[in-house]
C-alpha atoms as a PDB file:
ATOM      1  CA  MET A   1      61.990   3.252  23.288  1.00  0.00           C
ATOM      2  CA  GLY A   2      58.303   2.319  23.401  1.00  0.00           C
ATOM      3  CA  MET A   3      57.020   0.362  26.389  1.00  0.00           C
ATOM      4  CA  GLY A   4      60.461  -0.141  27.986  1.00  0.00           C
ATOM      5  CA  ARG A   5      60.907   3.756  27.978  1.00  0.00           C
ATOM      6  CA  LEU A   6      57.457   4.140  29.730  1.00  0.00           C
ATOM      7  CA  TYR A   7      58.306   1.528  32.427  1.00  0.00           C
ATOM      8  CA  ALA A   8      61.558   3.318  33.086  1.00  0.00           C
ATOM      9  CA  GLU A   9      59.755   6.686  33.282  1.00  0.00           C
ATOM     10  CA  ARG A  10      57.418   5.239  35.786  1.00  0.00           C
ATOM     11  CA  ALA A  11      60.256   3.902  37.925  1.00  0.00           C
ATOM     12  CA  VAL A  12      61.876   7.417  37.935  1.00  0.00           C
ATOM     13  CA  ALA A  13      58.467   9.059  38.792  1.00  0.00           C
ATOM     14  CA  GLU A  14      58.249   6.800  41.736  1.00  0.00           C
ATOM     15  CA  ARG A  15      61.800   7.555  42.951  1.00  0.00           C
ATOM     16  CA  ALA A  16      63.555   4.467  42.146  1.00  0.00           C
ATOM     17  CA  ALA A  17      67.041   4.442  43.739  1.00  0.00           C
ATOM     18  CA  ALA A  18      68.371   3.561  40.449  1.00  0.00           C
ATOM     19  CA  VAL A  19      67.172   2.627  36.937  1.00  0.00           C
ATOM     20  CA  VAL A  20      69.027   0.214  34.604  1.00  0.00           C
ATOM     21  CA  LEU A  21      68.286   0.377  30.856  1.00  0.00           C
ATOM     22  CA  TRP A  22      69.244  -2.470  28.361  1.00  0.00           C
ATOM     23  CA  ASP A  23      68.804  -2.096  24.641  1.00  0.00           C
ATOM     24  CA  MET A  24      70.639  -2.841  21.458  1.00  0.00           C
ATOM     25  CA  ASP A  25      69.983   0.617  20.028  1.00  0.00           C
ATOM     26  CA  ALA A  26      72.685   2.686  21.327  1.00  0.00           C
ATOM     27  CA  ALA A  27      71.340   6.068  20.126  1.00  0.00           C
ATOM     28  CA  ALA A  28      67.815   5.548  21.560  1.00  0.00           C
ATOM     29  CA  LEU A  29      69.358   4.111  24.781  1.00  0.00           C
ATOM     30  CA  GLU A  30      71.466   7.271  25.173  1.00  0.00           C
ATOM     31  CA  ALA A  31      68.637   9.572  24.530  1.00  0.00           C
ATOM     32  CA  THR A  32      66.431   7.959  27.158  1.00  0.00           C
ATOM     33  CA  ARG A  33      69.416   7.816  29.610  1.00  0.00           C
ATOM     34  CA  ALA A  34      70.120  11.550  29.200  1.00  0.00           C
ATOM     35  CA  GLU A  35      66.493  12.546  29.487  1.00  0.00           C
ATOM     36  CA  LEU A  36      65.855  10.499  32.694  1.00  0.00           C
ATOM     37  CA  SER A  37      69.274  11.539  34.244  1.00  0.00           C
ATOM     38  CA  ALA A  38      68.099  15.259  33.664  1.00  0.00           C
ATOM     39  CA  ARG A  39      65.121  14.556  35.878  1.00  0.00           C
ATOM     40  CA  GLY A  40      67.726  13.646  38.709  1.00  0.00           C
ATOM     41  CA  ALA A  41      67.571   9.967  38.255  1.00  0.00           C
ATOM     42  CA  ARG A  42      70.523   7.622  38.653  1.00  0.00           C
ATOM     43  CA  VAL A  43      70.474   5.660  35.335  1.00  0.00           C
ATOM     44  CA  LEU A  44      72.955   3.088  34.135  1.00  0.00           C
ATOM     45  CA  ALA A  45      72.489   2.345  30.469  1.00  0.00           C
ATOM     46  CA  GLN A  46      74.040  -0.629  28.817  1.00  0.00           C
ATOM     47  CA  VAL A  47      74.022  -1.846  25.125  1.00  0.00           C
ATOM     48  CA  ILE A  48      73.117  -5.485  25.242  1.00  0.00           C
ATOM     49  CA  ASP A  49      71.699  -8.334  23.341  1.00  0.00           C
ATOM     50  CA  VAL A  50      69.659 -10.097  25.907  1.00  0.00           C
ATOM     51  CA  SER A  51      69.341 -13.258  23.817  1.00  0.00           C
ATOM     52  CA  SER A  52      73.080 -13.850  24.691  1.00  0.00           C
ATOM     53  CA  ALA A  53      73.605 -15.697  28.042  1.00  0.00           C
ATOM     54  CA  GLN A  54      77.238 -14.505  28.188  1.00  0.00           C
ATOM     55  CA  ALA A  55      76.425 -10.846  27.458  1.00  0.00           C
ATOM     56  CA  VAL A  56      73.574 -10.862  30.114  1.00  0.00           C
ATOM     57  CA  ALA A  57      75.724 -12.467  32.747  1.00  0.00           C
ATOM     58  CA  GLU A  58      78.483 -10.068  32.134  1.00  0.00           C
ATOM     59  CA  ALA A  59      76.152  -7.001  32.172  1.00  0.00           C
ATOM     60  CA  ALA A  60      74.475  -8.179  35.453  1.00  0.00           C
ATOM     61  CA  LEU A  61      77.661  -8.393  37.286  1.00  0.00           C
ATOM     62  CA  ARG A  62      78.225  -4.639  36.383  1.00  0.00           C
ATOM     63  CA  VAL A  63      74.740  -3.764  37.558  1.00  0.00           C
ATOM     64  CA  GLN A  64      75.296  -5.462  40.890  1.00  0.00           C
ATOM     65  CA  ALA A  65      78.600  -3.895  41.171  1.00  0.00           C
ATOM     66  CA  GLU A  66      77.441  -0.307  40.478  1.00  0.00           C
ATOM     67  CA  VAL A  67      73.742  -0.346  41.743  1.00  0.00           C
ATOM     68  CA  GLY A  68      73.205  -3.476  43.647  1.00  0.00           C
ATOM     69  CA  THR A  69      70.665  -6.199  43.415  1.00  0.00           C
ATOM     70  CA  PRO A  70      67.411  -5.089  41.622  1.00  0.00           C
ATOM     71  CA  ASP A  71      64.047  -5.160  43.405  1.00  0.00           C
ATOM     72  CA  VAL A  72      62.203  -5.072  40.067  1.00  0.00           C
ATOM     73  CA  VAL A  73      63.102  -6.941  36.665  1.00  0.00           C
ATOM     74  CA  ILE A  74      60.959  -6.002  33.733  1.00  0.00           C
ATOM     75  CA  ASN A  75      61.367  -8.427  30.778  1.00  0.00           C
ATOM     76  CA  ASN A  76      59.914  -6.316  27.982  1.00  0.00           C
ATOM     77  CA  ALA A  77      62.063  -6.972  25.052  1.00  0.00           C
ATOM     78  CA  GLY A  78      60.367  -8.675  22.135  1.00  0.00           C
ATOM     79  CA  VAL A  79      60.345  -9.064  18.316  1.00  0.00           C
ATOM     80  CA  VAL A  80      57.720 -10.239  15.829  1.00  0.00           C
ATOM     81  CA  ARG A  81      57.675 -11.620  12.298  1.00  0.00           C
ATOM     82  CA  GLY A  82      54.396 -11.565  10.424  1.00  0.00           C
ATOM     83  CA  LYS A  83      54.347 -14.127   7.547  1.00  0.00           C
ATOM     84  CA  PRO A  84      53.604 -17.913   6.903  1.00  0.00           C
ATOM     85  CA  PHE A  85      55.685 -20.270   8.796  1.00  0.00           C
ATOM     86  CA  TRP A  86      57.223 -21.698   5.561  1.00  0.00           C
ATOM     87  CA  GLU A  87      58.461 -18.236   4.588  1.00  0.00           C
ATOM     88  CA  HIS A  88      60.423 -17.847   7.836  1.00  0.00           C
ATOM     89  CA  ASP A  89      64.125 -17.778   7.555  1.00  0.00           C
ATOM     90  CA  PRO A  90      65.444 -20.503  10.073  1.00  0.00           C
ATOM     91  CA  LEU A  91      67.984 -18.141  11.347  1.00  0.00           C
ATOM     92  CA  THR A  92      66.941 -14.474  11.014  1.00  0.00           C
ATOM     93  CA  ASP A  93      63.298 -15.215  11.667  1.00  0.00           C
ATOM     94  CA  THR A  94      62.816 -18.306  13.633  1.00  0.00           C
ATOM     95  CA  GLU A  95      65.840 -18.583  15.877  1.00  0.00           C
ATOM     96  CA  PHE A  96      66.026 -14.803  16.199  1.00  0.00           C
ATOM     97  CA  VAL A  97      62.443 -14.641  17.574  1.00  0.00           C
ATOM     98  CA  ILE A  98      62.877 -17.385  19.912  1.00  0.00           C
ATOM     99  CA  ARG A  99      66.175 -16.232  21.187  1.00  0.00           C
ATOM    100  CA  VAL A 100      64.881 -12.726  22.090  1.00  0.00           C
ATOM    101  CA  ASN A 101      61.283 -13.608  23.233  1.00  0.00           C
ATOM    102  CA  VAL A 102      61.968 -16.862  25.126  1.00  0.00           C
ATOM    103  CA  LEU A 103      65.617 -17.190  25.954  1.00  0.00           C
ATOM    104  CA  GLY A 104      66.098 -13.485  26.542  1.00  0.00           C
ATOM    105  CA  PRO A 105      63.790 -13.211  29.632  1.00  0.00           C
ATOM    106  CA  MET A 106      65.064 -16.488  30.969  1.00  0.00           C
ATOM    107  CA  HIS A 107      68.830 -15.252  30.650  1.00  0.00           C
ATOM    108  CA  VAL A 108      67.877 -11.969  32.442  1.00  0.00           C
ATOM    109  CA  THR A 109      65.902 -13.514  35.207  1.00  0.00           C
ATOM    110  CA  ARG A 110      68.537 -16.196  35.860  1.00  0.00           C
ATOM    111  CA  ALA A 111      71.275 -13.684  36.055  1.00  0.00           C
ATOM    112  CA  PHE A 112      69.484 -11.613  38.829  1.00  0.00           C
ATOM    113  CA  LEU A 113      67.252 -14.159  40.596  1.00  0.00           C
ATOM    114  CA  PRO A 114      69.600 -15.874  42.994  1.00  0.00           C
ATOM    115  CA  ALA A 115      70.650 -12.572  44.371  1.00  0.00           C
ATOM    116  CA  MET A 116      67.098 -11.436  44.599  1.00  0.00           C
ATOM    117  CA  ILE A 117      66.157 -14.593  46.593  1.00  0.00           C
ATOM    118  CA  ALA A 118      69.144 -14.159  48.909  1.00  0.00           C
ATOM    119  CA  ALA A 119      68.603 -10.501  49.578  1.00  0.00           C
ATOM    120  CA  GLY A 120      65.166 -11.264  51.235  1.00  0.00           C
ATOM    121  CA  ASN A 121      63.537  -7.963  50.177  1.00  0.00           C
ATOM    122  CA  GLU A 122      60.098  -7.773  48.431  1.00  0.00           C
ATOM    123  CA  ALA A 123      61.092  -8.243  44.845  1.00  0.00           C
ATOM    124  CA  ARG A 124      59.130  -8.314  41.608  1.00  0.00           C
ATOM    125  CA  ILE A 125      59.473  -9.789  38.066  1.00  0.00           C
ATOM    126  CA  LEU A 126      57.303  -8.755  35.159  1.00  0.00           C
ATOM    127  CA  ASN A 127      57.264 -10.772  32.074  1.00  0.00           C
ATOM    128  CA  VAL A 128      55.591  -9.334  29.084  1.00  0.00           C
ATOM    129  CA  ALA A 129      53.821 -11.902  27.046  1.00  0.00           C
ATOM    130  CA  SER A 130      51.039 -11.641  24.563  1.00  0.00           C
ATOM    131  CA  ALA A 131      47.379 -12.670  23.914  1.00  0.00           C
ATOM    132  CA  SER A 132      48.752 -14.669  21.118  1.00  0.00           C
ATOM    133  CA  GLY A 133      50.456 -16.947  23.709  1.00  0.00           C
ATOM    134  CA  LEU A 134      46.913 -18.154  24.635  1.00  0.00           C
ATOM    135  CA  LEU A 135      45.377 -17.980  21.112  1.00  0.00           C
ATOM    136  CA  SER A 136      46.586 -19.250  17.714  1.00  0.00           C
ATOM    137  CA  VAL A 137      47.187 -16.571  15.125  1.00  0.00           C
ATOM    138  CA  PRO A 138      47.823 -17.208  11.490  1.00  0.00           C
ATOM    139  CA  ARG A 139      50.810 -15.404   9.859  1.00  0.00           C
ATOM    140  CA  MET A 140      52.477 -15.238  13.418  1.00  0.00           C
ATOM    141  CA  THR A 141      53.486 -18.843  14.115  1.00  0.00           C
ATOM    142  CA  VAL A 142      56.687 -18.369  15.562  1.00  0.00           C
ATOM    143  CA  TYR A 143      55.825 -15.214  17.591  1.00  0.00           C
ATOM    144  CA  THR A 144      52.905 -17.166  18.944  1.00  0.00           C
ATOM    145  CA  GLY A 145      54.992 -20.112  19.827  1.00  0.00           C
ATOM    146  CA  SER A 146      57.381 -17.865  21.628  1.00  0.00           C
ATOM    147  CA  LYS A 147      54.657 -16.307  23.717  1.00  0.00           C
ATOM    148  CA  TRP A 148      53.160 -19.706  24.524  1.00  0.00           C
ATOM    149  CA  ALA A 149      56.547 -20.743  25.867  1.00  0.00           C
ATOM    150  CA  LEU A 150      57.051 -17.561  27.754  1.00  0.00           C
ATOM    151  CA  ILE A 151      53.577 -17.725  29.586  1.00  0.00           C
ATOM    152  CA  GLY A 152      54.297 -21.458  30.646  1.00  0.00           C
ATOM    153  CA  TRP A 153      57.898 -20.571  31.869  1.00  0.00           C
ATOM    154  CA  SER A 154      56.695 -17.435  33.767  1.00  0.00           C
ATOM    155  CA  ASP A 155      53.867 -19.069  35.578  1.00  0.00           C
ATOM    156  CA  SER A 156      56.025 -22.254  36.390  1.00  0.00           C
ATOM    157  CA  LEU A 157      58.633 -19.848  37.781  1.00  0.00           C
ATOM    158  CA  ARG A 158      55.951 -18.214  40.010  1.00  0.00           C
ATOM    159  CA  LEU A 159      54.979 -21.615  41.281  1.00  0.00           C
ATOM    160  CA  GLU A 160      58.531 -22.739  41.915  1.00  0.00           C
ATOM    161  CA  LEU A 161      59.264 -19.528  43.971  1.00  0.00           C
ATOM    162  CA  LYS A 162      56.167 -20.026  45.996  1.00  0.00           C
ATOM    163  CA  ARG A 163      56.761 -23.743  46.706  1.00  0.00           C
ATOM    164  CA  ALA A 164      60.313 -23.098  47.621  1.00  0.00           C
ATOM    165  CA  GLY A 165      59.373 -20.539  50.255  1.00  0.00           C
ATOM    166  CA  HIS A 166      60.679 -17.495  48.399  1.00  0.00           C
ATOM    167  CA  GLY A 167      57.347 -15.553  48.346  1.00  0.00           C
ATOM    168  CA  HIS A 168      59.019 -12.295  48.530  1.00  0.00           C
ATOM    169  CA  VAL A 169      59.922 -12.641  44.877  1.00  0.00           C
ATOM    170  CA  ARG A 170      56.759 -12.540  43.056  1.00  0.00           C
ATOM    171  CA  VAL A 171      56.303 -13.070  39.219  1.00  0.00           C
ATOM    172  CA  THR A 172      53.512 -11.316  37.221  1.00  0.00           C
ATOM    173  CA  THR A 173      52.807 -12.498  33.523  1.00  0.00           C
ATOM    174  CA  LEU A 174      51.366  -9.601  31.410  1.00  0.00           C
ATOM    175  CA  ILE A 175      49.164 -10.878  28.586  1.00  0.00           C
ATOM    176  CA  PRO A 176      47.805  -7.906  26.419  1.00  0.00           C
ATOM    177  CA  GLY A 177      46.226  -7.798  22.980  1.00  0.00           C
ATOM    178  CA  TYR A 178      47.721  -5.569  20.289  1.00  0.00           C
ATOM    179  CA  ILE A 179      49.366  -2.458  21.746  1.00  0.00           C
ATOM    180  CA  LYS A 180      49.748   0.855  19.597  1.00  0.00           C
ATOM    181  CA  THR A 181      53.572   0.731  19.647  1.00  0.00           C
ATOM    182  CA  GLY A 182      54.425   0.320  16.010  1.00  0.00           C
ATOM    183  CA  MET A 183      55.604  -3.142  16.538  1.00  0.00           C
ATOM    184  CA  PHE A 184      52.244  -4.327  15.229  1.00  0.00           C
ATOM    185  CA  ALA A 185      51.686  -1.748  12.650  1.00  0.00           C
ATOM    186  CA  GLY A 186      48.892  -2.843  10.061  1.00  0.00           C
ATOM    187  CA  ALA A 187      47.459  -5.418  12.378  1.00  0.00           C
ATOM    188  CA  ARG A 188      43.676  -5.291  12.981  1.00  0.00           C
ATOM    189  CA  ALA A 189      42.145  -5.594  16.253  1.00  0.00           C
ATOM    190  CA  PRO A 190      39.658  -8.365  16.705  1.00  0.00           C
ATOM    191  CA  LEU A 191      36.009  -7.677  17.508  1.00  0.00           C
ATOM    192  CA  MET A 192      35.465  -5.879  20.831  1.00  0.00           C
ATOM    193  CA  THR A 193      39.168  -5.754  21.328  1.00  0.00           C
ATOM    194  CA  PRO A 194      40.509  -2.280  20.726  1.00  0.00           C
ATOM    195  CA  LEU A 195      44.105  -1.486  20.056  1.00  0.00           C
ATOM    196  CA  LEU A 196      45.631  -0.681  23.558  1.00  0.00           C
ATOM    197  CA  GLU A 197      47.245   2.662  24.501  1.00  0.00           C
ATOM    198  CA  PRO A 198      50.807   2.056  25.712  1.00  0.00           C
ATOM    199  CA  ALA A 199      50.540   4.284  28.634  1.00  0.00           C
ATOM    200  CA  HIS A 200      47.403   2.559  29.809  1.00  0.00           C
ATOM    201  CA  VAL A 201      48.993  -0.905  29.573  1.00  0.00           C
ATOM    202  CA  VAL A 202      52.025   0.247  31.637  1.00  0.00           C
ATOM    203  CA  ASP A 203      49.755   1.854  34.321  1.00  0.00           C
ATOM    204  CA  ARG A 204      47.855  -1.540  34.643  1.00  0.00           C
ATOM    205  CA  ALA A 205      50.875  -3.720  34.496  1.00  0.00           C
ATOM    206  CA  TRP A 206      52.846  -1.474  36.877  1.00  0.00           C
ATOM    207  CA  ALA A 207      50.104  -1.669  39.507  1.00  0.00           C
ATOM    208  CA  ALA A 208      49.734  -5.559  38.911  1.00  0.00           C
ATOM    209  CA  MET A 209      53.390  -6.002  39.417  1.00  0.00           C
ATOM    210  CA  LYS A 210      53.633  -4.042  42.642  1.00  0.00           C
ATOM    211  CA  ALA A 211      50.528  -5.951  44.035  1.00  0.00           C
ATOM    212  CA  GLY A 212      52.336  -9.243  43.082  1.00  0.00           C
ATOM    213  CA  ARG A 213      49.380 -10.188  40.907  1.00  0.00           C
ATOM    214  CA  PRO A 214      50.200 -13.494  39.133  1.00  0.00           C
ATOM    215  CA  ARG A 215      48.604 -12.649  35.702  1.00  0.00           C
ATOM    216  CA  LEU A 216      47.126  -9.580  33.974  1.00  0.00           C
ATOM    217  CA  MET A 217      45.114 -10.125  30.792  1.00  0.00           C
ATOM    218  CA  MET A 218      43.872  -7.059  28.954  1.00  0.00           C
ATOM    219  CA  PRO A 219      41.395  -6.298  27.657  1.00  0.00           C
ATOM    220  CA  TRP A 220      38.691  -8.362  29.096  1.00  0.00           C
ATOM    221  CA  THR A 221      38.117 -10.042  25.758  1.00  0.00           C
ATOM    222  CA  VAL A 222      41.499 -11.894  26.164  1.00  0.00           C
ATOM    223  CA  ALA A 223      40.235 -13.870  29.038  1.00  0.00           C
ATOM    224  CA  LEU A 224      36.892 -14.369  27.369  1.00  0.00           C
ATOM    225  CA  SER A 225      38.621 -15.810  24.117  1.00  0.00           C
ATOM    226  CA  GLY A 226      40.976 -18.000  26.231  1.00  0.00           C
ATOM    227  CA  ALA A 227      37.881 -19.489  28.194  1.00  0.00           C
ATOM    228  CA  LEU A 228      35.856 -20.103  25.013  1.00  0.00           C
ATOM    229  CA  ARG A 229      38.766 -21.821  23.205  1.00  0.00           C
ATOM    230  CA  GLY A 230      39.147 -24.131  26.152  1.00  0.00           C
ATOM    231  CA  LEU A 231      35.425 -24.919  26.372  1.00  0.00           C
ATOM    232  CA  LEU A 232      34.258 -25.215  22.693  1.00  0.00           C
ATOM    233  CA  PRO A 233      34.846 -27.923  20.225  1.00  0.00           C
ATOM    234  CA  LEU A 234      37.829 -26.889  17.969  1.00  0.00           C
ATOM    235  CA  PRO A 235      35.699 -26.587  14.856  1.00  0.00           C
ATOM    236  CA  LEU A 236      33.277 -24.303  16.493  1.00  0.00           C
ATOM    237  CA  TRP A 237      36.090 -22.126  18.062  1.00  0.00           C
ATOM    238  CA  ASP A 238      37.676 -21.988  14.657  1.00  0.00           C
ATOM    239  CA  TRP A 239      34.491 -20.610  13.127  1.00  0.00           C
ATOM    240  CA  LEU A 240      33.950 -18.148  15.966  1.00  0.00           C
ATOM    241  CA  ALA A 241      37.507 -16.991  15.971  1.00  0.00           C
ATOM    242  CA  GLY A 242      37.714 -16.877  12.173  1.00  0.00           C
ATOM    243  CA  ARG A 243      34.378 -15.360  11.174  1.00  0.00           C
ATOM    244  CA  VAL A 244      33.011 -13.507  14.287  1.00  0.00           C
ATOM    245  CA  PHE A 245      35.953 -12.240  16.332  1.00  0.00           C
ATOM    246  CA  LYS A 246      38.269 -11.952  13.243  1.00  0.00           C
ATOM    247  CA  VAL A 247      41.276 -13.245  15.220  1.00  0.00           C
ATOM    248  CA  TYR A 248      42.559 -15.294  12.444  1.00  0.00           C
ATOM    249  CA  SER A 249      42.694 -12.379   9.991  1.00  0.00           C
ATOM    250  CA  SER A 250      44.082  -9.785  12.508  1.00  0.00           C
ATOM    251  CA  MET A 251      47.622 -10.099  10.890  1.00  0.00           C
ATOM    252  CA  ASP A 252      46.629 -10.202   7.201  1.00  0.00           C
ATOM    253  CA  ALA A 253      47.573  -6.466   6.697  1.00  0.00           C
ATOM    254  CA  PHE A 254      50.507  -6.578   9.076  1.00  0.00           C
ATOM    255  CA  THR A 255      53.582  -4.338   7.972  1.00  0.00           C
ATOM    256  CA  GLY A 256      55.434  -3.965  11.409  1.00  0.00           C
ATOM    257  CA  ARG A 257      57.627  -1.267  12.692  1.00  0.00           C
ATOM    258  CA  LYS A 258      59.494   0.677   9.986  1.00  0.00           C
ATOM    259  CA  PRO A 259      63.359   0.899  10.406  1.00  0.00           C
ATOM    260  CA  GLY A 260      64.225   3.668  12.539  1.00  0.00           C
ATOM    261  CA  SER A 261      60.817   4.211  13.961  1.00  0.00           C
END
């Protein structure tokens, strides 16, 4: 559902030879598979927990057996918890978020990357991060930490592939602000930073990924905020982010996605 569904629809629209869908929601997965298949697409849908290295490895073997080595891998799965760190449950909150947001993309990429390198074809990996991976955000400590880790890993992977002579596999890191998907329901957009429309984000991310662009930050205020945070003394940045841009209060009214939505 959500952004993942939009990426799959884009792949079908551009006549991908096959589209593989991974999700934990069996009902939503089947609904999307049926709809895309009705458009004439070849779709393989698998219920899988991407935070499990073993589950990912087993599912990847089936993908390679049935449809071959992928040319595009999109790491879009993500979860968020919006509350003070001391209220996080170590297992159901902290470990869960880290496993899905950080280990998930690593497991998925590791499962396919050796074959993508060996195939020698132009290939792409899109890792969906967040502006909170560049800026500290209160009431989102673990999510923020997970996205900082994802950005660091994703860009390091990009450099490793380039330095090793595997330039045919390119990595793009998407760093968006809040997106209107329901995942961040209740969050307030900072000053001059509108809530992003999912279709617009997918359009921009898809184009950046195909072009092999290393990084896409959107909207433009994400890059501006990151630059200011690096240049200004921390007390001044805290004042600007808290009092002017309202970054630090953006999660105060967060409710999140309701079950079943």
